[in-house]
Amino acid sequence: MRFDDEPVPGYPLPILPGHTSPGRLERVLRAGAFAVTTELDPPDSADPEDVYKRARIFDGYVDAINATDGSGANCHMSSLAVCALLTRIGYAPVMQISCRDKNRIAIQGDILGGAAMGVANMLCLSGDSVQSGDHPQAKPVFDLDCMSLLTIGRTLRDEHKFQSGRKVTFAPRVFFGAAANPFVPPFEWRAERIAKKVEAGAQFIQTQYCYDVPRLKTFMQQIEDIGLLGKVFLLIGVGPLRSAKAADWMRTNVPGIHIPDAVIKRMAGADKPALEGRQICIDLIQEIKDIKGVSGVHVMAFRQEDTVAEIIQRSGVLAGRVPWYPGRDTLYQSGQSEKETT
């Protein structure tokens, strides 16, 4: 589908009834398409071309690109800056906001600033501990957590005021999201925690890596049982593994990562582990897309970003459509089928 009401390709779309943002991600999700998002690893650089190079490899395969905010408590170019660069040329970024490094004054300023630059999607996170990163001597802030951040963001957007009560003259038009991890104990709390995030203002959820489809199905049934289906868009995290050794290291050393023994065994028995890791990711996506209530996948391919296009193409989840990227509509005007664009 190609949106007929877009003013100029790549520009913000008109906000439809029931939508809160002019962004393409919300449009795609509310239209019922299976969405694909991914993550851009911010550069250790002040060169904007370093950002653009990293974004181009996703062209035509993703609906939005997450700009991480000091992921793992490591220092890189800021999420706000990456998003500012991406919106300049029409990409749909998801601005991640971590509570670790800024207080509510700075965070509210970033929400307004990001929205002013055309950022239509923001993901609210508590943030990793500074002890896990490259500046363990840094002082953590944690003035807010993800719940209170969502509430503040929703208040800015819907009530047109700061948390202090002071009015804003033009509210941010933003699609708010949050993160979730259905794959680690206590399992019985995970759906309820998402319900609290939805109540606080989350409209979409991106999960931690999924390598356990039966566990995901149980979680989705819990989501249905508490009446959350249709109230929030769920994008399930997936990603390619490099080797059995790397997979075992991840589940041992990275908090919140669950990789079943069967996956490790499959990787260990492969002649070409990296290729098998991509195939596992493809197999998972194809299983996940058929689970009731799943709205899309969030592909996290850290230091394997060049594999995302192959994974999405071979999975077939885009069903022939081509998500917008700079220059795509030139192809459309030259005769590409309207059914192939979105």
Protein backbone atom coordinates (compact mmCIF):
# COMPACT_ATOMS: atom_id res chain seq x y z
CA MET A 1 0.00 0.00 0.00
CA ARG A 2 1.12 3.49 -0.80
CA PHE A 3 -0.30 6.30 1.30
CA ASP A 4 -2.15 8.58 -1.10
CA ASP A 5 -2.37 11.50 1.34
CA GLU A 6 1.37 11.97 1.85
CA PRO A 7 2.21 15.60 1.02
CA VAL A 8 5.81 14.99 -0.13
CA PRO A 9 7.56 11.60 -0.03
CA GLY A 10 9.35 11.23 3.28
CA TYR A 11 7.54 14.14 4.94
CA PRO A 12 5.26 13.70 7.98
CA LEU A 13 1.89 12.26 7.06
CA PRO A 14 -1.46 13.83 7.97
CA ILE A 15 -2.65 12.50 11.33
CA LEU A 16 -5.67 10.25 10.84
CA PRO A 17 -8.51 9.90 13.38
CA GLY A 18 -7.38 7.68 16.25
CA HIS A 19 -3.70 8.23 15.46
CA THR A 20 -1.40 10.32 17.64
CA SER A 21 1.52 10.87 15.27
CA PRO A 22 2.27 11.76 11.65
CA GLY A 23 4.66 8.83 11.43
CA ARG A 24 4.79 5.89 9.05
CA LEU A 25 5.29 3.27 11.77
CA GLU A 26 1.95 4.05 13.38
CA ARG A 27 0.30 4.13 9.94
CA VAL A 28 1.67 0.71 9.01
CA LEU A 29 0.67 -0.85 12.33
CA ARG A 30 -2.83 0.60 12.39
CA ALA A 31 -3.33 -0.48 8.77
CA GLY A 32 -2.77 -4.07 9.91
CA ALA A 33 0.49 -4.71 8.06
CA PHE A 34 3.19 -6.83 9.68
CA ALA A 35 5.78 -4.24 10.71
CA VAL A 36 9.55 -4.59 10.76
CA THR A 37 11.82 -2.40 12.89
CA THR A 38 15.53 -2.61 13.55
CA GLU A 39 18.33 -0.90 15.49
CA LEU A 40 21.07 1.39 14.30
CA ASP A 41 24.25 1.18 16.31
CA PRO A 42 25.19 4.86 16.86
CA PRO A 43 28.73 5.73 15.76
CA ASP A 44 31.61 6.85 17.93
CA SER A 45 31.93 9.79 15.60
CA ALA A 46 30.72 13.31 14.88
CA ASP A 47 30.47 12.65 11.13
CA PRO A 48 26.82 12.54 9.95
CA GLU A 49 27.78 10.32 7.02
CA ASP A 50 28.62 7.59 9.53
CA VAL A 51 24.94 7.59 10.54
CA TYR A 52 23.67 7.63 6.96
CA LYS A 53 25.89 4.71 5.95
CA ARG A 54 24.47 2.66 8.79
CA ALA A 55 20.89 3.55 7.87
CA ARG A 56 21.19 2.84 4.13
CA ILE A 57 21.77 -0.88 4.61
CA PHE A 58 18.18 -1.16 5.85
CA ASP A 59 16.66 0.63 2.83
CA GLY A 60 13.48 -1.05 1.64
CA TYR A 61 13.34 -3.61 4.45
CA VAL A 62 12.28 -1.82 7.65
CA ASP A 63 9.48 0.49 8.69
CA ALA A 64 11.44 2.29 11.41
CA ILE A 65 14.97 2.43 12.80
CA ASN A 66 15.66 2.57 16.54
CA ALA A 67 18.40 4.96 17.60
CA THR A 68 19.74 3.48 20.82
CA ASP A 69 20.42 5.73 23.81
CA GLY A 70 23.69 4.67 25.41
CA SER A 71 22.80 0.99 25.09
CA GLY A 72 24.61 -1.11 27.67
CA ALA A 73 25.60 2.15 29.38
CA ASN A 74 28.25 2.71 26.71
CA CYS A 75 28.90 6.13 25.23
CA HIS A 76 28.07 6.83 21.57
CA MET A 77 26.44 9.59 19.52
CA SER A 78 23.18 10.50 21.26
CA SER A 79 19.84 9.08 20.22
CA LEU A 80 18.43 12.58 19.75
CA ALA A 81 21.26 13.52 17.38
CA VAL A 82 20.95 10.32 15.34
CA CYS A 83 17.21 10.91 15.01
CA ALA A 84 17.76 14.52 13.97
CA LEU A 85 20.03 13.33 11.16
CA LEU A 86 17.67 10.58 10.05
CA THR A 87 14.60 12.82 9.93
CA ARG A 88 16.49 15.29 7.72
CA ILE A 89 16.20 12.89 4.83
CA GLY A 90 12.88 11.25 5.69
CA TYR A 91 13.74 8.10 7.62
CA ALA A 92 11.34 7.03 10.39
CA PRO A 93 13.44 6.78 13.56
CA VAL A 94 12.42 5.51 16.97
CA MET A 95 14.10 7.74 19.53
CA GLN A 96 15.07 5.72 22.57
CA ILE A 97 14.95 7.64 25.86
CA SER A 98 16.81 6.21 28.83
CA CYS A 99 16.14 7.43 32.37
CA ARG A 100 19.68 6.59 33.43
CA ASP A 101 21.43 9.78 32.31
CA LYS A 102 18.92 12.64 32.50
CA ASN A 103 16.40 14.07 34.91
CA ARG A 104 12.80 14.95 34.08
CA ILE A 105 13.70 18.49 33.01
CA ALA A 106 16.15 17.34 30.36
CA ILE A 107 13.94 14.44 29.25
CA GLN A 108 10.88 16.61 28.69
CA GLY A 109 13.05 19.00 26.72
CA ASP A 110 14.28 16.12 24.55
CA ILE A 111 10.72 14.94 23.87
CA LEU A 112 9.76 18.41 22.66
CA GLY A 113 12.99 18.80 20.69
CA GLY A 114 12.72 15.41 19.04
CA ALA A 115 9.10 16.00 18.06
CA ALA A 116 9.98 19.43 16.66
CA MET A 117 12.54 17.77 14.37
CA GLY A 118 9.98 15.30 13.07
CA VAL A 119 10.60 12.31 15.34
CA ALA A 120 7.24 10.54 15.52
CA ASN A 121 8.19 7.47 17.60
CA MET A 122 9.78 7.35 21.06
CA LEU A 123 10.67 4.31 23.14
CA CYS A 124 10.71 4.85 26.90
CA LEU A 125 13.31 2.85 28.84
CA SER A 126 14.62 2.80 32.39
CA GLY A 127 18.16 2.14 31.13
CA ASP A 128 21.03 -0.18 31.96
CA SER A 129 23.14 0.27 35.06
CA VAL A 130 26.27 2.39 34.57
CA GLN A 131 28.28 -0.47 36.10
CA SER A 132 27.73 -2.51 32.93
CA GLY A 133 29.18 0.13 30.60
CA ASP A 134 32.43 1.84 29.68
CA HIS A 135 32.04 4.65 32.24
CA PRO A 136 31.34 2.82 35.52
CA GLN A 137 32.44 5.92 37.43
CA ALA A 138 29.52 7.93 35.98
CA LYS A 139 26.76 9.03 38.32
CA PRO A 140 23.39 7.48 37.42
CA VAL A 141 20.34 9.75 37.51
CA PHE A 142 17.21 7.56 37.38
CA ASP A 143 15.01 10.49 38.33
CA LEU A 144 12.27 8.60 36.46
CA ASP A 145 11.60 5.00 35.49
CA CYS A 146 9.92 3.78 32.30
CA MET A 147 6.43 4.01 33.82
CA SER A 148 6.76 7.60 35.02
CA LEU A 149 8.48 8.55 31.76
CA LEU A 150 5.56 7.18 29.76
CA THR A 151 3.14 9.11 31.95
CA ILE A 152 5.08 12.35 31.49
CA GLY A 153 5.27 11.84 27.73
CA ARG A 154 1.56 11.17 27.47
CA THR A 155 0.83 14.25 29.58
CA LEU A 156 2.93 16.41 27.26
CA ARG A 157 1.12 15.03 24.21
CA ASP A 158 -2.47 14.69 25.41
CA GLU A 159 -2.77 17.38 28.07
CA HIS A 160 -0.35 19.86 26.48
CA LYS A 161 1.55 20.47 29.70
CA PHE A 162 4.78 19.67 31.50
CA GLN A 163 4.72 17.56 34.65
CA SER A 164 4.91 20.84 36.56
CA GLY A 165 1.55 21.84 35.10
CA ARG A 166 2.94 24.59 32.89
CA LYS A 167 1.37 24.60 29.44
CA VAL A 168 3.20 23.91 26.18
CA THR A 169 2.05 25.93 23.18
CA PHE A 170 2.33 23.05 20.68
CA ALA A 171 2.21 19.49 21.95
CA PRO A 172 4.52 16.73 20.66
CA ARG A 173 2.71 14.43 18.24
CA VAL A 174 4.31 11.15 19.20
CA PHE A 175 3.69 7.40 19.13
CA PHE A 176 5.03 6.11 22.46
CA GLY A 177 6.52 2.69 23.06
CA ALA A 178 8.15 0.63 25.77
CA ALA A 179 10.23 -2.52 26.10
CA ALA A 180 9.35 -5.90 27.56
CA ASN A 181 11.00 -9.25 28.27
CA PRO A 182 8.55 -12.19 28.29
CA PHE A 183 11.35 -14.76 28.35
CA VAL A 184 12.72 -14.61 31.89
CA PRO A 185 11.09 -15.25 35.28
CA PRO A 186 8.81 -14.33 36.88
CA PHE A 187 6.77 -15.28 33.80
CA GLU A 188 3.41 -14.71 35.45
CA TRP A 189 4.20 -11.01 35.93
CA ARG A 190 5.22 -10.17 32.38
CA ALA A 191 1.79 -9.62 30.85
CA GLU A 192 0.64 -7.65 33.89
CA ARG A 193 3.68 -5.41 33.63
CA ILE A 194 2.87 -4.64 30.00
CA ALA A 195 -0.68 -3.80 31.09
CA LYS A 196 0.77 -1.23 33.48
CA LYS A 197 2.92 0.25 30.72
CA VAL A 198 -0.10 0.49 28.43
CA GLU A 199 -2.03 2.23 31.19
CA ALA A 200 0.89 4.65 31.58
CA GLY A 201 0.87 5.46 27.85
CA ALA A 202 2.65 2.74 25.82
CA GLN A 203 1.11 2.20 22.39
CA PHE A 204 3.67 -0.28 21.08
CA ILE A 205 6.02 -2.77 22.71
CA GLN A 206 9.37 -4.06 21.47
CA THR A 207 10.53 -7.20 23.27
CA GLN A 208 13.89 -8.71 24.14
CA TYR A 209 15.27 -11.42 21.83
CA CYS A 210 12.93 -14.37 21.31
CA TYR A 211 14.54 -17.78 20.79
CA ASP A 212 11.76 -19.71 22.54
CA VAL A 213 8.52 -19.73 20.52
CA PRO A 214 6.56 -21.95 22.97
CA ARG A 215 7.32 -19.46 25.74
CA LEU A 216 6.20 -16.63 23.45
CA LYS A 217 2.92 -18.40 22.68
CA THR A 218 2.24 -18.81 26.40
CA PHE A 219 2.96 -15.12 26.91
CA MET A 220 0.66 -14.09 24.07
CA GLN A 221 -2.11 -16.21 25.58
CA GLN A 222 -1.58 -14.35 28.87
CA ILE A 223 -1.83 -11.07 26.95
CA GLU A 224 -5.14 -12.22 25.50
CA ASP A 225 -6.41 -13.48 28.85
CA ILE A 226 -6.01 -10.06 30.48
CA GLY A 227 -7.71 -8.27 27.60
CA LEU A 228 -4.67 -6.55 26.07
CA LEU A 229 -5.00 -7.83 22.50
CA GLY A 230 -5.88 -4.90 20.26
CA LYS A 231 -4.81 -2.36 22.87
CA VAL A 232 -1.09 -2.37 22.15
CA PHE A 233 1.08 -3.35 19.17
CA LEU A 234 3.59 -6.07 20.03
CA LEU A 235 6.83 -6.31 18.03
CA ILE A 236 8.86 -9.37 18.98
CA GLY A 237 12.64 -9.08 19.19
CA VAL A 238 14.71 -11.40 17.01
CA GLY A 239 18.32 -11.52 15.91
CA PRO A 240 20.96 -13.72 14.23
CA LEU A 241 23.51 -15.63 16.28
CA ARG A 242 27.15 -15.91 15.14
CA SER A 243 28.13 -19.20 16.79
CA ALA A 244 27.24 -21.61 19.56
CA LYS A 245 29.99 -20.09 21.67
CA ALA A 246 28.63 -16.57 21.19
CA ALA A 247 25.09 -17.74 21.96
CA ASP A 248 26.22 -19.46 25.14
CA TRP A 249 28.16 -16.36 26.17
CA MET A 250 25.07 -14.18 25.60
CA ARG A 251 22.76 -16.26 27.74
CA THR A 252 25.37 -16.49 30.49
CA ASN A 253 26.57 -12.89 30.59
CA VAL A 254 23.83 -10.65 29.18
CA PRO A 255 21.00 -10.06 31.67
CA GLY A 256 17.57 -10.99 30.34
CA ILE A 257 18.74 -13.21 27.44
CA HIS A 258 17.14 -16.66 27.26
CA ILE A 259 18.44 -19.09 24.61
CA PRO A 260 17.22 -22.70 24.89
CA ASP A 261 19.70 -25.57 24.79
CA ALA A 262 18.15 -26.79 21.53
CA VAL A 263 19.20 -23.58 19.79
CA ILE A 264 22.77 -23.88 21.10
CA LYS A 265 22.88 -27.51 19.94
CA ARG A 266 21.65 -26.57 16.46
CA MET A 267 24.33 -23.88 16.18
CA ALA A 268 27.04 -26.22 17.46
CA GLY A 269 26.17 -28.83 14.84
CA ALA A 270 26.26 -26.46 11.89
CA ASP A 271 29.09 -26.46 9.35
CA LYS A 272 28.57 -22.73 8.81
CA PRO A 273 27.42 -21.34 12.18
CA ALA A 274 26.81 -17.75 11.04
CA LEU A 275 24.65 -18.93 8.13
CA GLU A 276 22.77 -21.24 10.49
CA GLY A 277 22.27 -18.34 12.90
CA ARG A 278 20.60 -16.35 10.14
CA GLN A 279 18.46 -19.33 9.21
CA ILE A 280 17.34 -19.75 12.83
CA CYS A 281 16.35 -16.09 12.85
CA ILE A 282 14.37 -16.56 9.61
CA ASP A 283 12.65 -19.66 10.99
CA LEU A 284 11.72 -17.78 14.16
CA ILE A 285 10.25 -14.85 12.22
CA GLN A 286 8.13 -17.18 10.11
CA GLU A 287 6.77 -18.87 13.24
CA ILE A 288 6.26 -15.61 15.11
CA LYS A 289 4.31 -13.89 12.32
CA ASP A 290 1.50 -16.42 12.61
CA ILE A 291 0.98 -16.01 16.36
CA LYS A 292 -2.24 -14.23 17.25
CA GLY A 293 -1.67 -10.71 18.51
CA VAL A 294 1.85 -10.24 17.12
CA SER A 295 2.10 -7.03 15.06
CA GLY A 296 5.68 -7.30 13.82
CA VAL A 297 9.29 -8.07 14.60
CA HIS A 298 12.14 -5.95 15.93
CA VAL A 299 15.39 -7.19 14.36
CA MET A 300 18.44 -6.62 16.54
CA ALA A 301 21.57 -7.61 14.63
CA PHE A 302 24.37 -6.04 16.66
CA ARG A 303 27.49 -5.84 14.49
CA GLN A 304 25.63 -7.93 11.90
CA GLU A 305 23.44 -5.14 10.54
CA ASP A 306 24.36 -6.10 6.99
CA THR A 307 22.40 -9.36 7.45
CA VAL A 308 19.06 -7.66 8.17
CA ALA A 309 18.05 -7.25 4.51
CA GLU A 310 18.77 -10.92 3.76
CA ILE A 311 16.87 -12.09 6.84
CA ILE A 312 13.79 -10.01 6.09
CA GLN A 313 13.80 -10.85 2.40
CA ARG A 314 14.13 -14.59 2.96
CA SER A 315 11.52 -14.59 5.73
CA GLY A 316 8.89 -13.18 3.35
CA VAL A 317 7.16 -11.19 6.08
CA LEU A 318 6.89 -8.01 4.01
CA ALA A 319 4.65 -9.89 1.58
CA GLY A 320 5.93 -7.92 -1.40
CA ARG A 321 5.66 -4.43 0.04
CA VAL A 322 8.64 -2.08 0.13
CA PRO A 323 8.86 0.22 3.19
CA TRP A 324 9.71 3.83 2.40
CA TYR A 325 13.34 4.91 2.06
CA PRO A 326 14.96 7.93 0.38
CA GLY A 327 14.53 7.53 -3.36
CA ARG A 328 11.97 4.74 -3.22
CA ASP A 329 9.19 6.82 -4.77
CA THR A 330 11.37 7.63 -7.75
CA LEU A 331 11.15 3.91 -8.50
CA TYR A 332 7.41 4.03 -7.94
CA GLN A 333 7.00 6.88 -10.40
CA SER A 334 9.00 4.94 -12.97
CA GLY A 335 6.49 2.10 -12.91
CA GLN A 336 6.91 0.00 -9.75
CA SER A 337 3.61 -1.46 -8.60
CA GLU A 338 1.69 0.58 -6.05
CA LYS A 339 0.97 -2.63 -4.16
CA GLU A 340 4.66 -3.00 -3.44
CA THR A 341 5.08 0.24 -1.51
CA THR A 342 4.07 1.45 1.92
